[in-house]
Amino acid sequence: MKLKDDKYKKYALVKEMMETVEVVRNFRPSCAEPFVEAIKKKSALFATGEGSSRIFPAKRSIYASLKTNGFNIVTEGSTQALEYDLDNYAVFGASNSGKTKELIRLFTKLKKAGHDSFFGLTSFQDTPLTDLAKESYVLSCGKENAVAATKSVVEQALFYDSLLRYLDDSGMKGLAKLSDDIETALTIEIDSELIKLIKNADTILFSGKNTGVAEELRLKTNEITRKKSDYLEGTYAVHGIEEVLNKNDVLIIIDPFESEEEKFRECLVEGVGMNVIAISKRDTIFPTIKIPDGGEYEHYVELVAGWNILVETGLALGIDLDKPVRARKVGNEYIAG
């Protein structure tokens, strides 16, 4: 994906993906500091929202916390959250527009109940979300014109990341390298034969750890390539679903478990006859799109490498990347009154 190439530069989606490089480079971890005491007081965080505003930012944070300080983080969609007792949680609701109906409904309930710690994460000030929330952080990445959210997803994740690091005093370092790694992953040349396989697939499936990466790419596949997609968590791909897969499906594994690669090959490549492709910092037994080793930030690098693949696939399909037929920028918009 080369922004200066005429093939790419006419699309807002590509432009916004590439802007992620500077969003990361210019991110200031201190933006989370005003919220730290409220989180510490509750000793638990409930991260909610819908679609891209929840999947990667929240699930990546849960994974990172379980690997490090074990701080209690939970996520769920805002409508289901209406059924929960959230009194002992600090609640963060992410919505780029600040107008997501499900989140506004939840925050309205929390406000009426006298909850003292519910906060907004959004791209715009003076919205229903910022009016309701006790306090909000407004992203610095700027407006997105493409329907598929990209740079905002990364900044939301960085915000949660910085918040967690305040909680254990670990500090947030290495963003300059992460910015470089993201640029590399966005611009790496993808083998045209792999793009052809993905383009011609009946269904594009994603597998990997429950970090939000594969699941978010599943959603982006729908928005960018208009193809059917699914997310197969962990090793679910070899626990029964192979019965209904076919040789025209493609599975993209994000950072595969090395100990399970042979089982994936046996069940899916040999058993089903389908193609399996990996995105990884190391060589695997499958055709592998090699990316930089992002270290503690590896999930960000994996995510943007997936964007690169999907853009190439969408262009190969002759799709207008900025204009889905049915998908909307605000999936379910709150209307006052």
Protein backbone atom coordinates (compact mmCIF):
# COMPACT_ATOMS: atom_id res chain seq x y z
CA MET A 1 0.00 0.00 0.00
CA LYS A 2 1.69 3.17 -1.21
CA LEU A 3 -0.05 6.45 -0.45
CA LYS A 4 1.76 8.35 -3.22
CA ASP A 5 0.60 5.88 -5.87
CA ASP A 6 -2.50 7.02 -7.78
CA LYS A 7 -3.99 3.58 -7.20
CA TYR A 8 -4.28 4.31 -3.49
CA LYS A 9 -4.17 8.02 -2.77
CA LYS A 10 -7.68 8.83 -3.98
CA TYR A 11 -9.18 6.89 -1.08
CA ALA A 12 -9.84 8.48 2.31
CA LEU A 13 -9.53 5.01 3.85
CA VAL A 14 -5.92 4.65 2.73
CA LYS A 15 -5.09 8.21 3.77
CA GLU A 16 -6.51 7.63 7.25
CA MET A 17 -4.71 4.31 7.62
CA MET A 18 -1.42 6.02 6.81
CA GLU A 19 -2.21 8.87 9.23
CA THR A 20 -2.08 6.25 11.99
CA VAL A 21 1.72 6.45 11.79
CA GLU A 22 1.72 10.05 13.05
CA VAL A 23 -1.16 9.45 15.45
CA VAL A 24 1.06 6.93 17.24
CA ARG A 25 4.20 9.06 16.98
CA ASN A 26 2.42 12.08 18.49
CA PHE A 27 0.40 10.24 21.14
CA ARG A 28 0.86 11.61 24.65
CA PRO A 29 0.29 8.99 27.37
CA SER A 30 -0.42 11.75 29.90
CA CYS A 31 -3.89 12.11 28.34
CA ALA A 32 -5.07 9.25 30.56
CA GLU A 33 -3.78 10.74 33.81
CA PRO A 34 -7.00 12.66 34.73
CA PHE A 35 -8.91 9.36 34.87
CA VAL A 36 -6.45 7.30 36.90
CA GLU A 37 -7.73 8.03 40.41
CA ALA A 38 -11.30 7.15 39.50
CA ILE A 39 -10.15 3.83 38.07
CA LYS A 40 -8.01 3.06 41.14
CA LYS A 41 -10.91 3.86 43.44
CA LYS A 42 -13.15 1.30 41.77
CA SER A 43 -10.36 -1.29 41.20
CA ALA A 44 -12.15 -2.49 38.09
CA LEU A 45 -12.81 -1.16 34.59
CA PHE A 46 -15.76 -1.88 32.33
CA ALA A 47 -14.95 -0.96 28.72
CA THR A 48 -17.97 -0.71 26.45
CA GLY A 49 -19.07 0.59 23.07
CA GLU A 50 -20.04 -0.97 19.77
CA GLY A 51 -18.13 -2.43 16.83
CA SER A 52 -14.63 -1.12 16.21
CA SER A 53 -14.78 1.22 19.21
CA ARG A 54 -14.88 -1.81 21.50
CA ILE A 55 -13.42 -4.89 19.81
CA PHE A 56 -9.71 -4.08 19.54
CA PRO A 57 -9.31 -1.35 22.18
CA ALA A 58 -11.07 -3.30 24.93
CA LYS A 59 -9.97 -6.85 24.14
CA ARG A 60 -6.36 -5.91 23.58
CA SER A 61 -6.42 -4.21 27.01
CA ILE A 62 -7.85 -7.30 28.70
CA TYR A 63 -5.14 -9.48 27.14
CA ALA A 64 -2.37 -7.06 28.15
CA SER A 65 -3.67 -6.77 31.70
CA LEU A 66 -3.89 -10.53 32.18
CA LYS A 67 -0.28 -10.86 31.02
CA THR A 68 1.02 -8.12 33.31
CA ASN A 69 -0.71 -6.61 36.33
CA GLY A 70 -3.96 -8.58 36.30
CA PHE A 71 -6.09 -5.46 36.74
CA ASN A 72 -9.76 -6.38 36.42
CA ILE A 73 -11.04 -5.30 32.99
CA VAL A 74 -14.31 -6.50 31.52
CA THR A 75 -15.97 -5.70 28.20
CA GLU A 76 -19.44 -6.12 26.76
CA GLY A 77 -21.73 -4.31 24.37
CA SER A 78 -23.73 -1.44 25.84
CA THR A 79 -27.17 -2.99 25.44
CA GLN A 80 -26.25 -6.17 27.30
CA ALA A 81 -24.52 -3.98 29.89
CA LEU A 82 -27.92 -2.52 30.78
CA GLU A 83 -28.56 -5.80 32.60
CA TYR A 84 -25.41 -5.58 34.73
CA ASP A 85 -24.69 -4.09 38.13
CA LEU A 86 -21.81 -1.74 37.31
CA ASP A 87 -21.63 0.04 40.66
CA ASN A 88 -18.18 -1.40 41.40
CA TYR A 89 -16.74 -0.56 37.98
CA ALA A 90 -15.38 2.59 36.45
CA VAL A 91 -17.11 2.60 33.07
CA PHE A 92 -15.50 3.80 29.85
CA GLY A 93 -17.71 4.13 26.79
CA ALA A 94 -16.07 4.59 23.40
CA SER A 95 -17.92 6.10 20.44
CA ASN A 96 -16.19 8.06 17.70
CA SER A 97 -19.32 10.01 16.84
CA GLY A 98 -20.43 10.45 20.44
CA LYS A 99 -23.91 9.53 19.17
CA THR A 100 -24.04 5.74 19.39
CA LYS A 101 -27.56 4.87 20.54
CA GLU A 102 -26.66 1.83 22.64
CA LEU A 103 -23.98 3.71 24.59
CA ILE A 104 -26.13 6.81 25.13
CA ARG A 105 -28.89 4.61 26.52
CA LEU A 106 -26.46 2.96 28.98
CA PHE A 107 -24.94 6.26 30.10
CA THR A 108 -28.40 7.75 30.57
CA LYS A 109 -29.22 4.86 32.90
CA LEU A 110 -25.94 5.28 34.82
CA LYS A 111 -26.54 9.00 35.25
CA LYS A 112 -30.08 8.49 36.54
CA ALA A 113 -28.78 5.83 38.96
CA GLY A 114 -26.18 8.24 40.37
CA HIS A 115 -23.14 6.28 39.16
CA ASP A 116 -20.06 8.39 39.90
CA SER A 117 -17.48 7.03 37.46
CA PHE A 118 -18.54 6.77 33.81
CA PHE A 119 -16.41 8.38 31.13
CA GLY A 120 -16.42 8.95 27.40
CA LEU A 121 -13.85 8.26 24.69
CA THR A 122 -14.79 10.03 21.47
CA SER A 123 -13.63 12.05 18.47
CA PHE A 124 -15.93 15.02 19.02
CA GLN A 125 -16.74 17.45 21.80
CA ASP A 126 -20.31 18.68 22.45
CA THR A 127 -22.07 15.40 21.70
CA PRO A 128 -24.70 13.42 23.64
CA LEU A 129 -21.85 11.29 25.01
CA THR A 130 -19.73 14.17 26.31
CA ASP A 131 -22.86 15.81 27.74
CA LEU A 132 -23.70 12.69 29.75
CA ALA A 133 -20.26 11.46 30.82
CA LYS A 134 -18.61 12.66 34.01
CA GLU A 135 -15.58 13.49 31.88
CA SER A 136 -14.42 12.58 28.37
CA TYR A 137 -11.22 12.27 26.41
CA VAL A 138 -11.48 13.62 22.87
CA LEU A 139 -9.16 11.83 20.45
CA SER A 140 -6.52 13.87 18.64
CA CYS A 141 -6.60 11.83 15.42
CA GLY A 142 -9.25 13.98 13.75
CA LYS A 143 -12.34 13.10 11.74
CA GLU A 144 -12.52 9.95 9.64
CA ASN A 145 -14.26 10.26 6.28
CA ALA A 146 -14.10 6.58 5.35
CA VAL A 147 -16.85 4.38 6.78
CA ALA A 148 -14.35 1.85 8.16
CA ALA A 149 -12.76 3.17 11.37
CA THR A 150 -8.96 2.86 11.40
CA LYS A 151 -6.75 5.51 12.99
CA SER A 152 -9.35 6.13 15.72
CA VAL A 153 -9.30 2.44 16.70
CA VAL A 154 -5.56 2.60 17.29
CA GLU A 155 -5.76 5.81 19.32
CA GLN A 156 -8.55 4.39 21.47
CA ALA A 157 -6.37 1.36 22.18
CA LEU A 158 -3.41 3.58 23.00
CA PHE A 159 -5.56 5.51 25.47
CA TYR A 160 -6.55 2.33 27.33
CA ASP A 161 -2.93 1.18 27.11
CA SER A 162 -1.67 4.36 28.74
CA LEU A 163 -4.35 4.15 31.42
CA LEU A 164 -3.26 0.64 32.39
CA ARG A 165 0.37 1.68 32.58
CA TYR A 166 -0.51 4.44 35.01
CA LEU A 167 -2.15 1.85 37.22
CA ASP A 168 1.04 -0.17 37.62
CA ASP A 169 3.52 2.70 37.12
CA SER A 170 5.16 0.85 34.22
CA GLY A 171 5.18 3.85 31.88
CA MET A 172 4.57 3.89 28.16
CA LYS A 173 7.72 3.89 26.07
CA GLY A 174 8.74 2.92 22.56
CA LEU A 175 6.05 4.75 20.59
CA ALA A 176 8.56 6.06 18.04
CA LYS A 177 9.56 2.48 17.16
CA LEU A 178 5.92 1.43 17.10
CA SER A 179 5.20 4.24 14.65
CA ASP A 180 8.00 3.00 12.37
CA ASP A 181 6.79 -0.60 12.68
CA ILE A 182 3.26 0.44 11.75
CA GLU A 183 4.51 2.27 8.67
CA THR A 184 6.45 -0.83 7.63
CA ALA A 185 3.42 -3.09 8.11
CA LEU A 186 1.17 -0.72 6.18
CA THR A 187 3.50 -0.45 3.20
CA ILE A 188 4.96 -3.95 3.02
CA GLU A 189 4.36 -5.52 -0.39
CA ILE A 190 1.91 -8.42 -0.26
CA ASP A 191 2.46 -11.32 -2.66
CA SER A 192 -0.07 -10.89 -5.48
CA GLU A 193 -0.76 -14.63 -5.49
CA LEU A 194 -1.89 -14.45 -1.85
CA ILE A 195 -4.14 -11.50 -2.66
CA LYS A 196 -5.61 -13.51 -5.53
CA LEU A 197 -6.41 -16.39 -3.17
CA ILE A 198 -8.10 -14.02 -0.72
CA LYS A 199 -9.95 -12.18 -3.48
CA ASN A 200 -11.43 -15.41 -4.85
CA ALA A 201 -12.37 -16.89 -1.47
CA ASP A 202 -15.99 -17.68 -0.67
CA THR A 203 -15.38 -16.70 2.95
CA ILE A 204 -12.37 -14.98 4.53
CA LEU A 205 -11.85 -16.35 8.02
CA PHE A 206 -9.53 -15.04 10.73
CA SER A 207 -8.05 -16.99 13.60
CA GLY A 208 -5.81 -16.01 16.48
CA LYS A 209 -5.58 -15.11 20.12
CA ASN A 210 -8.43 -13.18 21.69
CA THR A 211 -6.61 -9.84 21.50
CA GLY A 212 -9.19 -8.11 19.32
CA VAL A 213 -6.94 -8.20 16.24
CA ALA A 214 -8.48 -11.09 14.30
CA GLU A 215 -11.99 -10.15 15.40
CA GLU A 216 -11.55 -6.53 14.30
CA LEU A 217 -10.13 -7.64 10.95
CA ARG A 218 -13.22 -9.82 10.50
CA LEU A 219 -15.34 -6.65 10.74
CA LYS A 220 -13.00 -4.68 8.46
CA THR A 221 -13.26 -7.50 5.89
CA ASN A 222 -17.00 -6.93 5.66
CA GLU A 223 -16.63 -3.16 5.33
CA ILE A 224 -13.64 -3.06 2.98
CA THR A 225 -13.92 -6.14 0.76
CA ARG A 226 -17.72 -6.74 1.05
CA LYS A 227 -16.99 -10.44 1.50
CA LYS A 228 -18.36 -12.75 4.16
CA SER A 229 -16.02 -13.30 7.07
CA ASP A 230 -15.80 -14.93 10.48
CA TYR A 231 -13.52 -14.96 13.52
CA LEU A 232 -12.42 -18.33 14.89
CA GLU A 233 -10.97 -17.68 18.33
CA GLY A 234 -7.86 -19.53 19.48
CA THR A 235 -7.89 -23.06 18.06
CA TYR A 236 -11.63 -23.16 17.38
CA ALA A 237 -10.87 -23.71 13.67
CA VAL A 238 -9.91 -27.33 14.42
CA HIS A 239 -12.70 -28.11 16.88
CA GLY A 240 -15.59 -28.87 14.56
CA ILE A 241 -16.12 -25.97 12.18
CA GLU A 242 -13.92 -27.71 9.60
CA GLU A 243 -17.02 -29.81 8.87
CA VAL A 244 -18.62 -26.88 7.01
CA LEU A 245 -15.53 -25.18 5.54
CA ASN A 246 -14.64 -25.76 1.90
CA LYS A 247 -11.62 -25.51 -0.38
CA ASN A 248 -12.69 -22.07 -1.60
CA ASP A 249 -12.45 -20.57 1.90
CA VAL A 250 -9.28 -18.87 3.14
CA LEU A 251 -8.10 -18.70 6.74
CA ILE A 252 -5.73 -15.94 7.86
CA ILE A 253 -4.07 -16.78 11.18
CA ILE A 254 -2.70 -13.93 13.27
CA ASP A 255 0.44 -14.96 15.18
CA PRO A 256 -0.40 -18.70 15.20
CA PHE A 257 0.34 -20.86 18.19
CA GLU A 258 3.51 -22.63 17.06
CA SER A 259 2.51 -25.80 18.88
CA GLU A 260 -0.76 -25.98 16.92
CA GLU A 261 0.43 -25.16 13.40
CA GLU A 262 0.70 -28.82 12.37
CA LYS A 263 -2.85 -29.51 13.57
CA PHE A 264 -4.16 -26.57 11.52
CA ARG A 265 -2.31 -27.90 8.48
CA GLU A 266 -3.65 -31.42 9.01
CA CYS A 267 -7.29 -30.39 9.55
CA LEU A 268 -7.62 -27.45 7.18
CA VAL A 269 -5.01 -27.70 4.44
CA GLU A 270 -5.03 -31.50 4.08
CA GLY A 271 -8.50 -32.25 5.45
CA VAL A 272 -10.52 -29.43 3.88
CA GLY A 273 -8.19 -28.48 1.03
CA MET A 274 -8.39 -24.79 1.88
CA ASN A 275 -5.63 -22.19 1.91
CA VAL A 276 -4.17 -20.98 5.21
CA ILE A 277 -2.09 -17.79 5.39
CA ALA A 278 -0.27 -16.42 8.45
CA ILE A 279 0.55 -12.90 9.61
CA SER A 280 3.51 -13.22 11.96
CA LYS A 281 6.87 -11.82 13.01
CA ARG A 282 8.36 -15.29 12.47
CA ASP A 283 8.32 -17.91 9.75
CA THR A 284 5.50 -20.46 9.99
CA ILE A 285 4.67 -23.64 8.05
CA PHE A 286 2.11 -21.62 6.08
CA PRO A 287 2.66 -18.87 3.49
CA THR A 288 3.55 -16.05 5.87
CA ILE A 289 3.33 -12.28 5.63
CA LYS A 290 6.30 -11.28 7.79
CA ILE A 291 5.90 -8.16 9.90
CA PRO A 292 8.21 -6.32 12.32
CA ASP A 293 8.48 -7.64 15.86
CA GLY A 294 6.38 -5.09 17.74
CA GLY A 295 7.30 -6.46 21.16
CA GLU A 296 4.78 -5.32 23.75
CA TYR A 297 2.92 -3.45 20.99
CA GLU A 298 2.79 -6.39 18.59
CA HIS A 299 -1.00 -6.36 18.30
CA TYR A 300 -1.02 -2.89 16.77
CA VAL A 301 1.43 -4.04 14.09
CA GLU A 302 -0.63 -7.16 13.37
CA LEU A 303 -3.78 -5.08 13.01
CA VAL A 304 -2.39 -2.62 10.47
CA ALA A 305 -0.78 -5.45 8.48
CA GLY A 306 -4.29 -6.85 8.18
CA TRP A 307 -5.52 -3.48 6.92
CA ASN A 308 -2.86 -3.62 4.22
CA ILE A 309 -4.08 -7.03 3.07
CA LEU A 310 -7.71 -5.92 3.00
CA VAL A 311 -6.99 -2.77 0.99
CA GLU A 312 -5.11 -4.81 -1.61
CA THR A 313 -7.96 -7.31 -1.70
CA GLY A 314 -10.60 -4.61 -2.04
CA LEU A 315 -8.74 -2.95 -4.90
CA ALA A 316 -8.27 -6.32 -6.61
CA LEU A 317 -12.05 -6.73 -6.42
CA GLY A 318 -12.59 -3.30 -7.97
CA ILE A 319 -14.38 -1.95 -4.90
CA ASP A 320 -14.79 1.71 -3.93
CA LEU A 321 -13.08 1.48 -0.53
CA ASP A 322 -14.80 4.58 0.85
CA LYS A 323 -18.39 3.82 -0.05
CA PRO A 324 -20.00 0.60 1.19
CA VAL A 325 -23.49 -0.02 -0.13
CA ARG A 326 -25.21 -0.52 3.24
CA ALA A 327 -22.73 0.04 6.07
CA ARG A 328 -22.84 3.44 7.78
CA LYS A 329 -20.30 5.48 9.72
CA VAL A 330 -22.60 5.54 12.74
CA GLY A 331 -24.19 2.14 12.87
CA ASN A 332 -27.08 2.97 15.22
CA GLU A 333 -27.32 6.71 15.80
CA TYR A 334 -28.98 8.27 18.80
CA ILE A 335 -31.69 10.77 17.84
CA ALA A 336 -32.76 13.16 20.58
CA GLY A 337 -36.42 13.43 21.36
